[in-house]
Amino acid sequence: MIQRIKVFIFVLLSVNSVFNMAVAKEVKCADVHGLQTVLDRMNREYSSLHRTKEDAFWREYMAIPGYDENALEHGEKALSAYLSDPSHLEEVEQALNKSQLTRMERL
C-alpha cells in the first residue's frame, strides 16, 4: 500500500510539472486546462483531508479538552482511502489523454 501511495504521489507531481512545462511552452490546447482543473481539485481534496487529520493529531497530542477521541483514526482512514483510490489515477490518465500533450511533454 505504501508503494501505491508513493506511485500516486509521484504521478501527481509529474503531471503537475508537465502542465507547467506545457504552459511555459504556450501549448495551445483548451483541454490542458481540464488537466489543471483535475489536479487543482485533487490538491484541494488532499489538503482538506490532510488538514483534518493533522488537526485531530494535534488536538489529541496536546490533550485539548473536548477533542473527539476517534477523530484522528477517522482522519487517517479517510486520507489513506483517498490516496489508495485507483480512480484518481484513471482520472489523471484520462485528463492527460485529452490534453493532447506529446509524449515528451508528458515526461
Protein backbone atom coordinates (compact mmCIF):
# COMPACT_ATOMS: atom_id res chain seq x y z
CA MET A 1 0.00 0.00 0.00
CA ILE A 2 2.87 2.38 0.79
CA GLN A 3 4.32 1.69 -2.65
CA ARG A 4 0.96 2.51 -4.28
CA ILE A 5 0.78 5.79 -2.38
CA LYS A 6 4.30 6.71 -3.45
CA VAL A 7 3.47 5.95 -7.08
CA PHE A 8 0.28 8.01 -6.90
CA ILE A 9 2.08 10.99 -5.38
CA PHE A 10 4.85 10.69 -7.99
CA VAL A 11 2.25 10.66 -10.77
CA LEU A 12 0.54 13.76 -9.38
CA LEU A 13 3.82 15.62 -9.08
CA SER A 14 4.86 14.51 -12.57
CA VAL A 15 1.58 15.57 -14.12
CA ASN A 16 1.72 18.93 -12.42
CA SER A 17 5.23 19.55 -13.76
CA VAL A 18 4.03 18.51 -17.24
CA PHE A 19 1.28 21.08 -17.09
CA ASN A 20 3.69 23.80 -16.00
CA MET A 21 6.05 22.86 -18.83
CA ALA A 22 3.17 22.94 -21.31
CA VAL A 23 2.16 26.41 -20.16
CA ALA A 24 5.76 27.60 -20.39
CA LYS A 25 5.85 26.42 -24.00
CA GLU A 26 2.48 28.09 -24.63
CA VAL A 27 0.81 24.90 -25.79
CA LYS A 28 -2.43 25.94 -27.48
CA CYS A 29 -4.88 23.33 -26.23
CA ALA A 30 -8.03 24.06 -24.25
CA ASP A 31 -8.00 20.55 -22.76
CA VAL A 32 -4.74 21.26 -20.90
CA HIS A 33 -6.85 23.48 -18.67
CA GLY A 34 -9.05 20.44 -17.97
CA LEU A 35 -5.95 18.66 -16.71
CA GLN A 36 -5.12 21.56 -14.42
CA THR A 37 -8.72 21.58 -13.15
CA VAL A 38 -8.43 17.89 -12.22
CA LEU A 39 -5.10 18.45 -10.46
CA ASP A 40 -6.37 21.52 -8.61
CA ARG A 41 -9.43 19.63 -7.38
CA MET A 42 -7.33 16.67 -6.26
CA ASN A 43 -4.93 19.01 -4.44
CA ARG A 44 -7.84 20.68 -2.63
CA GLU A 45 -9.34 17.32 -1.64
CA TYR A 46 -6.00 16.01 -0.40
CA SER A 47 -5.24 19.22 1.50
CA SER A 48 -8.63 19.13 3.21
CA LEU A 49 -8.23 15.50 4.30
CA HIS A 50 -4.66 16.08 5.41
CA ARG A 51 -5.57 19.19 7.40
CA THR A 52 -8.42 17.33 9.13
CA LYS A 53 -6.05 14.53 10.11
CA GLU A 54 -3.34 16.93 11.29
CA ASP A 55 -5.81 18.99 13.33
CA ALA A 56 -7.04 15.81 15.01
CA PHE A 57 -3.46 14.72 15.67
CA TRP A 58 -2.51 17.97 17.38
CA ARG A 59 -5.74 18.15 19.37
CA GLU A 60 -5.06 14.65 20.68
CA TYR A 61 -1.33 15.22 21.18
CA MET A 62 -1.89 18.44 23.09
CA ALA A 63 -4.84 16.92 25.01
CA ILE A 64 -7.12 19.82 24.17
CA PRO A 65 -10.31 19.44 26.19
CA GLY A 66 -13.33 18.37 24.18
CA TYR A 67 -11.49 16.72 21.33
CA ASP A 68 -13.09 13.73 19.63
CA GLU A 69 -11.14 10.62 20.62
CA ASN A 70 -11.91 8.94 17.30
CA ALA A 71 -11.18 11.91 15.06
CA LEU A 72 -7.54 11.01 14.42
CA GLU A 73 -8.37 7.42 13.47
CA HIS A 74 -11.17 8.59 11.16
CA GLY A 75 -8.91 11.21 9.61
CA GLU A 76 -6.13 8.70 8.95
CA LYS A 77 -8.57 6.21 7.42
CA ALA A 78 -10.12 8.86 5.19
CA LEU A 79 -6.73 10.08 3.97
CA SER A 80 -5.49 6.54 3.37
CA ALA A 81 -8.65 5.66 1.44
CA TYR A 82 -8.27 8.77 -0.71
CA LEU A 83 -4.63 8.06 -1.50
CA SER A 84 -5.25 4.43 -2.39
CA ASP A 85 -8.31 5.06 -4.57
CA PRO A 86 -7.38 3.83 -8.07
CA SER A 87 -9.99 6.04 -9.71
CA HIS A 88 -7.74 9.07 -9.13
CA LEU A 89 -5.00 7.62 -11.30
CA GLU A 90 -7.54 6.76 -14.00
CA GLU A 91 -8.92 10.30 -13.89
CA VAL A 92 -5.46 11.82 -14.29
CA GLU A 93 -4.68 9.46 -17.16
CA GLN A 94 -7.93 10.42 -18.92
CA ALA A 95 -7.20 14.12 -18.47
CA LEU A 96 -3.68 13.59 -19.80
CA ASN A 97 -5.02 11.78 -22.85
CA LYS A 98 -7.46 14.63 -23.54
CA SER A 99 -4.71 17.21 -23.14
CA GLN A 100 -3.09 16.24 -26.46
CA LEU A 101 0.38 16.70 -24.98
CA THR A 102 3.15 14.88 -26.80
CA ARG A 103 4.98 12.05 -25.11
CA MET A 104 7.98 14.29 -24.47
CA GLU A 105 5.79 17.00 -22.92
CA ARG A 106 4.33 14.38 -20.57
CA LEU A 107 7.80 13.46 -19.32
